[in-house]
């Protein structure tokens, strides 16, 4: 699937942040949301850009450190699921996904 991502980027706490646009292609429905962000980061690094910073620890749905606000909902559109356990099959090709930190 191909997706448009709008991701909150902020250099540090003193800098003003903004939503940045990214597009990503060929995402597999069985990937986790964090795996999709890993693919995006590889794309960014290969292009000489800064990767997207996000917290993660266990990636097993236990610790909750993978906290993101996805399309305005904590951890995304699927209730009682941590971000690391959210799979891309919950989205459709062509979707625009908004990704922000908890604030």
Protein backbone atom coordinates (compact mmCIF):
# COMPACT_ATOMS: atom_id res chain seq x y z
CA UNK A 1 0.00 0.00 0.00
CA UNK A 2 1.03 3.60 -0.62
CA UNK A 3 0.46 6.19 2.09
CA UNK A 4 0.80 9.89 2.75
CA UNK A 5 2.16 10.70 6.19
CA UNK A 6 1.91 14.00 8.00
CA UNK A 7 4.34 13.83 10.90
CA UNK A 8 4.97 16.39 13.65
CA UNK A 9 8.66 17.31 13.53
CA UNK A 10 10.39 19.49 16.10
CA UNK A 11 14.15 19.88 16.42
CA UNK A 12 14.05 20.43 20.19
CA UNK A 13 11.81 21.84 22.91
CA UNK A 14 12.88 25.41 22.15
CA UNK A 15 12.23 25.26 18.40
CA UNK A 16 8.81 25.66 16.85
CA UNK A 17 7.56 22.43 15.29
CA UNK A 18 5.34 21.75 12.29
CA UNK A 19 3.70 18.94 10.36
CA UNK A 20 5.94 17.59 7.60
CA UNK A 21 4.67 15.60 4.59
CA UNK A 22 6.13 12.26 3.55
CA UNK A 23 4.99 9.60 1.14
CA UNK A 24 5.81 5.96 1.50
CA UNK A 25 5.19 3.12 -0.95
CA UNK A 26 4.90 -0.64 -0.91
CA UNK A 27 3.93 -1.02 2.76
CA UNK A 28 2.76 -4.54 3.58
CA UNK A 29 -0.57 -4.84 5.45
CA UNK A 30 1.01 -7.22 8.00
CA UNK A 31 3.68 -4.71 9.06
CA UNK A 32 3.27 -3.08 12.44
CA UNK A 33 2.98 0.69 12.57
CA UNK A 34 6.50 0.91 14.00
CA UNK A 35 7.87 -1.30 11.21
CA UNK A 36 6.31 1.13 8.74
CA UNK A 37 8.11 3.99 10.53
CA UNK A 38 11.35 1.96 10.32
CA UNK A 39 10.87 1.74 6.53
CA UNK A 40 10.27 5.50 6.38
CA UNK A 41 13.41 6.13 8.44
CA UNK A 42 15.50 3.98 6.08
CA UNK A 43 14.13 6.05 3.20
CA UNK A 44 14.96 9.31 5.00
CA UNK A 45 18.46 8.21 6.01
CA UNK A 46 19.20 7.03 2.46
CA UNK A 47 18.18 10.50 1.25
CA UNK A 48 20.43 12.25 3.77
CA UNK A 49 17.56 13.42 5.97
CA UNK A 50 17.06 13.13 9.72
CA UNK A 51 15.04 10.06 10.75
CA UNK A 52 11.76 10.38 12.64
CA UNK A 53 12.40 9.93 16.36
CA UNK A 54 9.92 7.78 18.26
CA UNK A 55 10.03 5.83 21.50
CA UNK A 56 9.78 2.08 21.53
CA UNK A 57 11.08 -0.58 23.81
CA UNK A 58 9.51 -4.02 23.83
CA UNK A 59 7.48 -3.88 20.57
CA UNK A 60 5.31 -6.55 22.16
CA UNK A 61 2.43 -4.41 23.42
CA UNK A 62 3.54 -4.64 27.04
CA UNK A 63 5.28 -1.42 28.05
CA UNK A 64 3.33 1.31 26.20
CA UNK A 65 6.45 3.42 25.53
CA UNK A 66 5.50 3.50 21.84
CA UNK A 67 2.94 6.22 22.54
CA UNK A 68 1.91 8.17 19.45
CA UNK A 69 -1.23 10.04 18.52
CA UNK A 70 -2.36 8.59 15.20
CA UNK A 71 -5.13 10.41 13.32
CA UNK A 72 -6.04 12.19 16.54
CA UNK A 73 -6.38 9.04 18.68
CA UNK A 74 -3.88 7.76 21.25
CA UNK A 75 -2.15 4.71 19.72
CA UNK A 76 -4.40 4.93 16.65
CA UNK A 77 -7.80 3.82 15.44
CA UNK A 78 -7.96 0.41 17.11
CA UNK A 79 -9.06 0.55 20.76
CA UNK A 80 -7.00 -1.24 23.42
CA UNK A 81 -4.02 -1.65 21.08
CA UNK A 82 -0.58 -0.13 21.59
CA UNK A 83 1.09 1.53 18.61
CA UNK A 84 3.55 -1.35 18.22
CA UNK A 85 0.68 -3.83 17.93
CA UNK A 86 -1.26 -1.69 15.44
CA UNK A 87 -0.95 -3.28 12.00
CA UNK A 88 -1.06 -1.44 8.71
CA UNK A 89 -4.06 -3.51 7.58
CA UNK A 90 -6.14 -1.05 9.66
CA UNK A 91 -5.41 1.52 6.93
CA UNK A 92 -6.08 1.61 3.18
CA UNK A 93 -3.73 2.39 0.33
CA UNK A 94 -3.99 6.11 -0.43
CA UNK A 95 -4.78 7.07 3.17
CA UNK A 96 -3.25 10.12 4.80
CA UNK A 97 -2.07 9.35 8.33
CA UNK A 98 -1.38 12.08 10.89
CA UNK A 99 1.30 11.16 13.44
CA UNK A 100 2.04 13.27 16.52
CA UNK A 101 3.64 12.74 19.93
CA UNK A 102 1.58 12.74 23.11
CA UNK A 103 1.55 16.35 24.33
